[in-house]
């Protein structure tokens, strides 16, 4: 078989022929940039249910120092904890006691049929569906499975940029998660219904987007990777700065 011959840029030939770096640690500098190369700043997390934020400012960017080897993954990120209800007590409507019935007090049904504008009308409390326990979802932006490995003159940086964002709410289904209505009478005595409680049970939805990336970085030089994010046109800027022993 013949030998494959090809032209190669002189600098690239030198890089590929260089000895592996002896750096024991590498500082990786990340920035999220928009399509014009400006650092991205966000109003995140401006959503209901978010209780704690791990970052102080609104600029998406951070530094991460880790061993220079392929077997030591790191995971920097900007994370907020989103709490939402997972278990519930179902709604309750207290029954009228036998004593009240024997003493000719209004029953629950007759009380519900009374208009709220009726003087002296008796009301019976309705307890809607009530959360009893909560779950936590980490939302925000992280770089998972992050490694940096020396190869020739390069530092090969690999990982997955992950975006997890709250995307809205969906309503619970079923009678126990529906508005609680009751019969009533209008001002002219016509039958109608009134809402005792909306009794809404909402669950959050989340969207996860991932961008695997690999960068053959020369020390100190910045590189950009286009990201799959909710906001189009975002880039991940990666810079690797090795520390010699």
C-alpha atoms as a PDB file:
ATOM      1  CA  UNK A   1       0.000   0.000   0.000  1.00  0.00           C
ATOM      2  CA  UNK A   2       1.157   3.510  -0.753  1.00  0.00           C
ATOM      3  CA  UNK A   3       1.843   6.150   1.862  1.00  0.00           C
ATOM      4  CA  UNK A   4      -0.812   8.839   2.120  1.00  0.00           C
ATOM      5  CA  UNK A   5       0.837  12.214   1.615  1.00  0.00           C
ATOM      6  CA  UNK A   6      -0.902  15.517   2.319  1.00  0.00           C
ATOM      7  CA  UNK A   7      -0.093  19.146   2.880  1.00  0.00           C
ATOM      8  CA  UNK A   8      -0.243  20.444   6.450  1.00  0.00           C
ATOM      9  CA  UNK A   9       0.050  23.898   7.867  1.00  0.00           C
ATOM     10  CA  UNK A  10       3.454  24.330   9.455  1.00  0.00           C
ATOM     11  CA  UNK A  11       2.069  25.465  12.800  1.00  0.00           C
ATOM     12  CA  UNK A  12      -0.358  22.544  12.961  1.00  0.00           C
ATOM     13  CA  UNK A  13       2.452  20.102  12.159  1.00  0.00           C
ATOM     14  CA  UNK A  14       4.415  21.604  15.014  1.00  0.00           C
ATOM     15  CA  UNK A  15       1.502  21.378  17.413  1.00  0.00           C
ATOM     16  CA  UNK A  16       0.780  17.738  16.593  1.00  0.00           C
ATOM     17  CA  UNK A  17       4.435  16.852  16.961  1.00  0.00           C
ATOM     18  CA  UNK A  18       4.871  18.604  20.281  1.00  0.00           C
ATOM     19  CA  UNK A  19       5.467  16.730  23.500  1.00  0.00           C
ATOM     20  CA  UNK A  20       2.504  16.334  25.877  1.00  0.00           C
ATOM     21  CA  UNK A  21       2.149  19.155  28.370  1.00  0.00           C
ATOM     22  CA  UNK A  22       3.341  18.501  31.895  1.00  0.00           C
ATOM     23  CA  UNK A  23       0.597  20.575  33.463  1.00  0.00           C
ATOM     24  CA  UNK A  24      -0.896  18.954  36.539  1.00  0.00           C
ATOM     25  CA  UNK A  25      -3.864  21.299  36.770  1.00  0.00           C
ATOM     26  CA  UNK A  26      -5.825  23.389  34.304  1.00  0.00           C
ATOM     27  CA  UNK A  27      -8.119  26.329  34.917  1.00  0.00           C
ATOM     28  CA  UNK A  28     -11.030  26.286  32.488  1.00  0.00           C
ATOM     29  CA  UNK A  29     -12.711  29.617  31.898  1.00  0.00           C
ATOM     30  CA  UNK A  30     -16.261  29.548  30.532  1.00  0.00           C
ATOM     31  CA  UNK A  31     -18.457  32.358  29.310  1.00  0.00           C
ATOM     32  CA  UNK A  32     -21.863  32.280  27.627  1.00  0.00           C
ATOM     33  CA  UNK A  33     -21.968  34.762  24.768  1.00  0.00           C
ATOM     34  CA  UNK A  34     -24.748  35.956  22.503  1.00  0.00           C
ATOM     35  CA  UNK A  35     -24.562  36.127  18.706  1.00  0.00           C
ATOM     36  CA  UNK A  36     -22.698  39.453  18.895  1.00  0.00           C
ATOM     37  CA  UNK A  37     -20.073  38.061  21.249  1.00  0.00           C
ATOM     38  CA  UNK A  38     -21.414  39.888  24.313  1.00  0.00           C
ATOM     39  CA  UNK A  39     -21.560  38.151  27.707  1.00  0.00           C
ATOM     40  CA  UNK A  40     -25.060  36.886  28.419  1.00  0.00           C
ATOM     41  CA  UNK A  41     -26.831  38.278  31.479  1.00  0.00           C
ATOM     42  CA  UNK A  42     -30.175  36.856  32.577  1.00  0.00           C
ATOM     43  CA  UNK A  43     -33.032  37.680  34.940  1.00  0.00           C
ATOM     44  CA  UNK A  44     -33.088  34.036  36.009  1.00  0.00           C
ATOM     45  CA  UNK A  45     -34.629  32.700  38.115  1.00  0.00           C
ATOM     46  CA  UNK A  46     -37.753  34.869  37.970  1.00  0.00           C
ATOM     47  CA  UNK A  47     -40.184  31.958  38.416  1.00  0.00           C
ATOM     48  CA  UNK A  48     -42.552  30.796  41.144  1.00  0.00           C
ATOM     49  CA  UNK A  49     -41.217  27.990  43.274  1.00  0.00           C
ATOM     50  CA  UNK A  50     -37.518  28.934  43.097  1.00  0.00           C
ATOM     51  CA  UNK A  51     -36.233  29.206  46.650  1.00  0.00           C
ATOM     52  CA  UNK A  52     -32.459  29.418  46.502  1.00  0.00           C
ATOM     53  CA  UNK A  53     -29.863  30.596  44.009  1.00  0.00           C
ATOM     54  CA  UNK A  54     -26.238  29.471  44.136  1.00  0.00           C
ATOM     55  CA  UNK A  55     -24.793  32.359  42.097  1.00  0.00           C
ATOM     56  CA  UNK A  56     -24.580  36.017  43.042  1.00  0.00           C
ATOM     57  CA  UNK A  57     -24.704  37.879  39.737  1.00  0.00           C
ATOM     58  CA  UNK A  58     -26.645  37.461  36.525  1.00  0.00           C
ATOM     59  CA  UNK A  59     -23.755  36.875  34.120  1.00  0.00           C
ATOM     60  CA  UNK A  60     -23.378  33.331  32.825  1.00  0.00           C
ATOM     61  CA  UNK A  61     -19.703  32.576  33.220  1.00  0.00           C
ATOM     62  CA  UNK A  62     -17.379  30.880  35.678  1.00  0.00           C
ATOM     63  CA  UNK A  63     -13.873  29.511  36.224  1.00  0.00           C
ATOM     64  CA  UNK A  64     -13.153  25.901  37.138  1.00  0.00           C
ATOM     65  CA  UNK A  65      -9.772  24.451  38.130  1.00  0.00           C
ATOM     66  CA  UNK A  66      -9.340  20.695  37.859  1.00  0.00           C
ATOM     67  CA  UNK A  67      -6.640  18.038  37.396  1.00  0.00           C
ATOM     68  CA  UNK A  68      -5.297  17.747  33.853  1.00  0.00           C
ATOM     69  CA  UNK A  69      -6.325  14.180  33.110  1.00  0.00           C
ATOM     70  CA  UNK A  70      -9.217  12.431  31.416  1.00  0.00           C
ATOM     71  CA  UNK A  71     -10.407  10.509  34.478  1.00  0.00           C
ATOM     72  CA  UNK A  72     -11.294  13.401  36.782  1.00  0.00           C
ATOM     73  CA  UNK A  73     -14.598  14.912  35.688  1.00  0.00           C
ATOM     74  CA  UNK A  74     -15.764  18.218  37.089  1.00  0.00           C
ATOM     75  CA  UNK A  75     -19.159  19.890  36.970  1.00  0.00           C
ATOM     76  CA  UNK A  76     -19.384  23.687  37.285  1.00  0.00           C
ATOM     77  CA  UNK A  77     -22.738  25.346  36.904  1.00  0.00           C
ATOM     78  CA  UNK A  78     -25.248  28.023  37.783  1.00  0.00           C
ATOM     79  CA  UNK A  79     -28.113  26.346  39.605  1.00  0.00           C
ATOM     80  CA  UNK A  80     -31.342  27.347  41.328  1.00  0.00           C
ATOM     81  CA  UNK A  81     -33.531  24.998  43.371  1.00  0.00           C
ATOM     82  CA  UNK A  82     -37.140  24.776  42.177  1.00  0.00           C
ATOM     83  CA  UNK A  83     -39.510  23.414  44.838  1.00  0.00           C
ATOM     84  CA  UNK A  84     -42.942  22.062  43.919  1.00  0.00           C
ATOM     85  CA  UNK A  85     -45.612  19.949  45.684  1.00  0.00           C
ATOM     86  CA  UNK A  86     -45.556  16.182  45.168  1.00  0.00           C
ATOM     87  CA  UNK A  87     -48.113  14.778  47.632  1.00  0.00           C
ATOM     88  CA  UNK A  88     -51.460  16.203  48.702  1.00  0.00           C
ATOM     89  CA  UNK A  89     -54.333  15.914  51.130  1.00  0.00           C
ATOM     90  CA  UNK A  90     -57.613  15.838  49.212  1.00  0.00           C
ATOM     91  CA  UNK A  91     -60.294  18.497  49.779  1.00  0.00           C
ATOM     92  CA  UNK A  92     -62.721  18.170  52.682  1.00  0.00           C
ATOM     93  CA  UNK A  93     -66.171  19.545  53.444  1.00  0.00           C
ATOM     94  CA  UNK A  94     -67.204  19.040  57.093  1.00  0.00           C
ATOM     95  CA  UNK A  95     -70.457  17.174  57.629  1.00  0.00           C
ATOM     96  CA  UNK A  96     -73.207  18.575  59.845  1.00  0.00           C
ATOM     97  CA  UNK A  97     -73.406  16.837  63.204  1.00  0.00           C
ATOM     98  CA  UNK A  98     -76.420  14.746  64.183  1.00  0.00           C
ATOM     99  CA  UNK A  99     -77.071  17.159  67.032  1.00  0.00           C
ATOM    100  CA  UNK A 100     -77.311  20.082  64.642  1.00  0.00           C
ATOM    101  CA  UNK A 101     -79.702  18.110  62.456  1.00  0.00           C
ATOM    102  CA  UNK A 102     -81.961  17.188  65.398  1.00  0.00           C
ATOM    103  CA  UNK A 103     -82.057  20.831  66.504  1.00  0.00           C
ATOM    104  CA  UNK A 104     -83.353  21.866  63.071  1.00  0.00           C
ATOM    105  CA  UNK A 105     -80.121  23.675  62.204  1.00  0.00           C
ATOM    106  CA  UNK A 106     -79.511  24.145  58.453  1.00  0.00           C
ATOM    107  CA  UNK A 107     -77.880  21.199  56.720  1.00  0.00           C
ATOM    108  CA  UNK A 108     -74.747  21.562  54.604  1.00  0.00           C
ATOM    109  CA  UNK A 109     -76.842  21.336  51.443  1.00  0.00           C
ATOM    110  CA  UNK A 110     -79.281  24.016  52.544  1.00  0.00           C
ATOM    111  CA  UNK A 111     -76.437  26.251  53.628  1.00  0.00           C
ATOM    112  CA  UNK A 112     -74.758  25.847  50.262  1.00  0.00           C
ATOM    113  CA  UNK A 113     -78.005  26.696  48.538  1.00  0.00           C
ATOM    114  CA  UNK A 114     -78.196  29.997  50.399  1.00  0.00           C
ATOM    115  CA  UNK A 115     -76.798  33.018  48.660  1.00  0.00           C
ATOM    116  CA  UNK A 116     -73.856  34.669  50.340  1.00  0.00           C
ATOM    117  CA  UNK A 117     -75.851  37.889  50.299  1.00  0.00           C
ATOM    118  CA  UNK A 118     -78.511  36.408  52.568  1.00  0.00           C
ATOM    119  CA  UNK A 119     -78.272  37.946  56.037  1.00  0.00           C
ATOM    120  CA  UNK A 120     -77.480  35.353  58.684  1.00  0.00           C
ATOM    121  CA  UNK A 121     -76.577  32.651  56.190  1.00  0.00           C
ATOM    122  CA  UNK A 122     -74.498  29.860  57.736  1.00  0.00           C
ATOM    123  CA  UNK A 123     -71.236  29.040  55.919  1.00  0.00           C
ATOM    124  CA  UNK A 124     -69.350  25.757  56.093  1.00  0.00           C
ATOM    125  CA  UNK A 125     -65.577  25.852  55.470  1.00  0.00           C
ATOM    126  CA  UNK A 126     -64.190  23.981  52.489  1.00  0.00           C
ATOM    127  CA  UNK A 127     -60.581  22.856  52.649  1.00  0.00           C
ATOM    128  CA  UNK A 128     -59.081  22.626  49.156  1.00  0.00           C
ATOM    129  CA  UNK A 129     -56.443  20.138  48.082  1.00  0.00           C
ATOM    130  CA  UNK A 130     -53.428  20.888  50.260  1.00  0.00           C
ATOM    131  CA  UNK A 131     -49.749  20.061  49.534  1.00  0.00           C
ATOM    132  CA  UNK A 132     -48.143  17.910  52.229  1.00  0.00           C
ATOM    133  CA  UNK A 133     -44.658  17.268  50.786  1.00  0.00           C
ATOM    134  CA  UNK A 134     -42.427  18.896  48.210  1.00  0.00           C
ATOM    135  CA  UNK A 135     -39.809  17.784  45.693  1.00  0.00           C
ATOM    136  CA  UNK A 136     -36.790  19.682  44.424  1.00  0.00           C
ATOM    137  CA  UNK A 137     -35.607  20.166  40.850  1.00  0.00           C
ATOM    138  CA  UNK A 138     -32.253  21.738  40.018  1.00  0.00           C
ATOM    139  CA  UNK A 139     -32.714  24.185  37.174  1.00  0.00           C
ATOM    140  CA  UNK A 140     -30.220  26.347  35.366  1.00  0.00           C
ATOM    141  CA  UNK A 141     -27.046  25.644  33.410  1.00  0.00           C
ATOM    142  CA  UNK A 142     -24.303  23.106  34.125  1.00  0.00           C
ATOM    143  CA  UNK A 143     -21.379  21.490  32.352  1.00  0.00           C
ATOM    144  CA  UNK A 144     -21.476  17.775  33.049  1.00  0.00           C
ATOM    145  CA  UNK A 145     -18.887  15.031  32.437  1.00  0.00           C
ATOM    146  CA  UNK A 146     -16.240  17.733  32.117  1.00  0.00           C
ATOM    147  CA  UNK A 147     -12.667  16.555  31.500  1.00  0.00           C
ATOM    148  CA  UNK A 148      -9.426  18.123  30.270  1.00  0.00           C
ATOM    149  CA  UNK A 149      -6.693  15.886  28.873  1.00  0.00           C
ATOM    150  CA  UNK A 150      -3.246  16.810  27.496  1.00  0.00           C
ATOM    151  CA  UNK A 151      -2.583  15.566  23.959  1.00  0.00           C
ATOM    152  CA  UNK A 152       0.508  16.824  22.150  1.00  0.00           C
ATOM    153  CA  UNK A 153       0.475  20.599  22.466  1.00  0.00           C
ATOM    154  CA  UNK A 154      -3.288  20.679  23.046  1.00  0.00           C
ATOM    155  CA  UNK A 155      -5.555  20.453  26.043  1.00  0.00           C
ATOM    156  CA  UNK A 156      -8.605  18.479  24.904  1.00  0.00           C
ATOM    157  CA  UNK A 157     -11.646  19.756  26.786  1.00  0.00           C
ATOM    158  CA  UNK A 158     -14.804  17.640  26.627  1.00  0.00           C
ATOM    159  CA  UNK A 159     -18.175  17.803  28.324  1.00  0.00           C
ATOM    160  CA  UNK A 160     -21.907  18.345  27.945  1.00  0.00           C
ATOM    161  CA  UNK A 161     -23.491  21.743  28.360  1.00  0.00           C
ATOM    162  CA  UNK A 162     -26.928  21.134  29.937  1.00  0.00           C
ATOM    163  CA  UNK A 163     -29.748  23.646  30.210  1.00  0.00           C
ATOM    164  CA  UNK A 164     -32.734  22.738  32.431  1.00  0.00           C
ATOM    165  CA  UNK A 165     -35.446  25.391  32.572  1.00  0.00           C
ATOM    166  CA  UNK A 166     -38.935  25.692  34.023  1.00  0.00           C
ATOM    167  CA  UNK A 167     -41.341  25.724  31.086  1.00  0.00           C
ATOM    168  CA  UNK A 168     -44.780  26.293  32.623  1.00  0.00           C
ATOM    169  CA  UNK A 169     -47.479  24.505  34.599  1.00  0.00           C
ATOM    170  CA  UNK A 170     -49.982  21.764  33.865  1.00  0.00           C
ATOM    171  CA  UNK A 171     -53.202  21.277  35.851  1.00  0.00           C
ATOM    172  CA  UNK A 172     -53.924  18.153  37.845  1.00  0.00           C
ATOM    173  CA  UNK A 173     -56.803  15.989  36.607  1.00  0.00           C
ATOM    174  CA  UNK A 174     -59.726  14.458  38.470  1.00  0.00           C
ATOM    175  CA  UNK A 175     -62.617  15.573  40.640  1.00  0.00           C
ATOM    176  CA  UNK A 176     -60.438  16.119  43.710  1.00  0.00           C
ATOM    177  CA  UNK A 177     -58.304  18.566  41.718  1.00  0.00           C
ATOM    178  CA  UNK A 178     -61.211  20.452  40.162  1.00  0.00           C
ATOM    179  CA  UNK A 179     -63.008  23.621  41.314  1.00  0.00           C
ATOM    180  CA  UNK A 180     -65.454  22.922  44.129  1.00  0.00           C
ATOM    181  CA  UNK A 181     -68.892  24.206  43.137  1.00  0.00           C
ATOM    182  CA  UNK A 182     -72.114  24.337  45.132  1.00  0.00           C
ATOM    183  CA  UNK A 183     -75.756  25.013  44.301  1.00  0.00           C
ATOM    184  CA  UNK A 184     -77.127  28.413  45.310  1.00  0.00           C
ATOM    185  CA  UNK A 185     -80.003  30.756  44.651  1.00  0.00           C
ATOM    186  CA  UNK A 186     -79.790  34.023  42.786  1.00  0.00           C
ATOM    187  CA  UNK A 187     -81.355  37.240  44.018  1.00  0.00           C
ATOM    188  CA  UNK A 188     -84.714  36.369  42.412  1.00  0.00           C
ATOM    189  CA  UNK A 189     -84.672  32.837  43.747  1.00  0.00           C
ATOM    190  CA  UNK A 190     -83.405  31.286  40.548  1.00  0.00           C
ATOM    191  CA  UNK A 191     -81.093  28.274  40.985  1.00  0.00           C
ATOM    192  CA  UNK A 192     -77.434  28.854  40.196  1.00  0.00           C
ATOM    193  CA  UNK A 193     -74.020  27.624  41.289  1.00  0.00           C
ATOM    194  CA  UNK A 194     -71.187  29.304  43.133  1.00  0.00           C
ATOM    195  CA  UNK A 195     -67.484  28.410  43.348  1.00  0.00           C
ATOM    196  CA  UNK A 196     -66.375  27.629  46.861  1.00  0.00           C
ATOM    197  CA  UNK A 197     -62.703  27.276  45.924  1.00  0.00           C
ATOM    198  CA  UNK A 198     -60.710  27.015  42.705  1.00  0.00           C
ATOM    199  CA  UNK A 199     -58.875  24.049  44.247  1.00  0.00           C
ATOM    200  CA  UNK A 200     -56.181  24.211  41.583  1.00  0.00           C
ATOM    201  CA  UNK A 201     -53.302  21.760  41.637  1.00  0.00           C
ATOM    202  CA  UNK A 202     -50.534  22.750  39.255  1.00  0.00           C
ATOM    203  CA  UNK A 203     -47.392  20.817  38.428  1.00  0.00           C
ATOM    204  CA  UNK A 204     -44.337  22.395  36.784  1.00  0.00           C
ATOM    205  CA  UNK A 205     -42.933  21.278  33.453  1.00  0.00           C
ATOM    206  CA  UNK A 206     -39.234  21.437  32.582  1.00  0.00           C
ATOM    207  CA  UNK A 207     -37.268  21.401  29.358  1.00  0.00           C
ATOM    208  CA  UNK A 208     -33.759  19.937  29.128  1.00  0.00           C
ATOM    209  CA  UNK A 209     -31.411  20.798  26.262  1.00  0.00           C
ATOM    210  CA  UNK A 210     -27.911  19.353  25.864  1.00  0.00           C
ATOM    211  CA  UNK A 211     -24.884  20.250  23.762  1.00  0.00           C
ATOM    212  CA  UNK A 212     -21.967  17.784  23.777  1.00  0.00           C
ATOM    213  CA  UNK A 213     -18.717  19.567  22.969  1.00  0.00           C
ATOM    214  CA  UNK A 214     -15.033  18.825  22.412  1.00  0.00           C
ATOM    215  CA  UNK A 215     -12.361  21.512  22.063  1.00  0.00           C
ATOM    216  CA  UNK A 216      -8.674  21.004  21.202  1.00  0.00           C
ATOM    217  CA  UNK A 217      -7.438  24.088  23.005  1.00  0.00           C
ATOM    218  CA  UNK A 218      -4.085  25.755  22.844  1.00  0.00           C
ATOM    219  CA  UNK A 219      -3.179  27.171  26.265  1.00  0.00           C
ATOM    220  CA  UNK A 220      -4.712  30.606  26.837  1.00  0.00           C
ATOM    221  CA  UNK A 221      -6.646  30.751  23.561  1.00  0.00           C
ATOM    222  CA  UNK A 222     -10.451  31.117  23.581  1.00  0.00           C
ATOM    223  CA  UNK A 223     -12.742  28.928  21.467  1.00  0.00           C
ATOM    224  CA  UNK A 224     -16.486  29.069  20.883  1.00  0.00           C
ATOM    225  CA  UNK A 225     -19.072  26.300  20.571  1.00  0.00           C
ATOM    226  CA  UNK A 226     -22.630  27.010  19.407  1.00  0.00           C
ATOM    227  CA  UNK A 227     -25.142  25.876  22.033  1.00  0.00           C
ATOM    228  CA  UNK A 228     -28.567  24.280  21.863  1.00  0.00           C
ATOM    229  CA  UNK A 229     -30.394  26.614  24.268  1.00  0.00           C
ATOM    230  CA  UNK A 230     -33.814  28.199  24.632  1.00  0.00           C
ATOM    231  CA  UNK A 231     -32.320  31.478  23.457  1.00  0.00           C
ATOM    232  CA  UNK A 232     -30.932  30.927  19.931  1.00  0.00           C
ATOM    233  CA  UNK A 233     -27.480  32.169  19.072  1.00  0.00           C
ATOM    234  CA  UNK A 234     -25.764  31.478  22.395  1.00  0.00           C
ATOM    235  CA  UNK A 235     -22.146  30.294  22.392  1.00  0.00           C
ATOM    236  CA  UNK A 236     -20.021  28.614  25.014  1.00  0.00           C
ATOM    237  CA  UNK A 237     -16.572  30.228  25.119  1.00  0.00           C
ATOM    238  CA  UNK A 238     -13.870  27.905  26.457  1.00  0.00           C
ATOM    239  CA  UNK A 239     -10.360  28.877  27.478  1.00  0.00           C
ATOM    240  CA  UNK A 240      -7.835  26.476  29.060  1.00  0.00           C
ATOM    241  CA  UNK A 241      -4.927  27.792  31.120  1.00  0.00           C
ATOM    242  CA  UNK A 242      -2.578  25.032  32.363  1.00  0.00           C
ATOM    243  CA  UNK A 243      -0.506  25.295  35.529  1.00  0.00           C
ATOM    244  CA  UNK A 244       3.025  23.930  35.216  1.00  0.00           C
ATOM    245  CA  UNK A 245       4.497  22.030  38.191  1.00  0.00           C
END
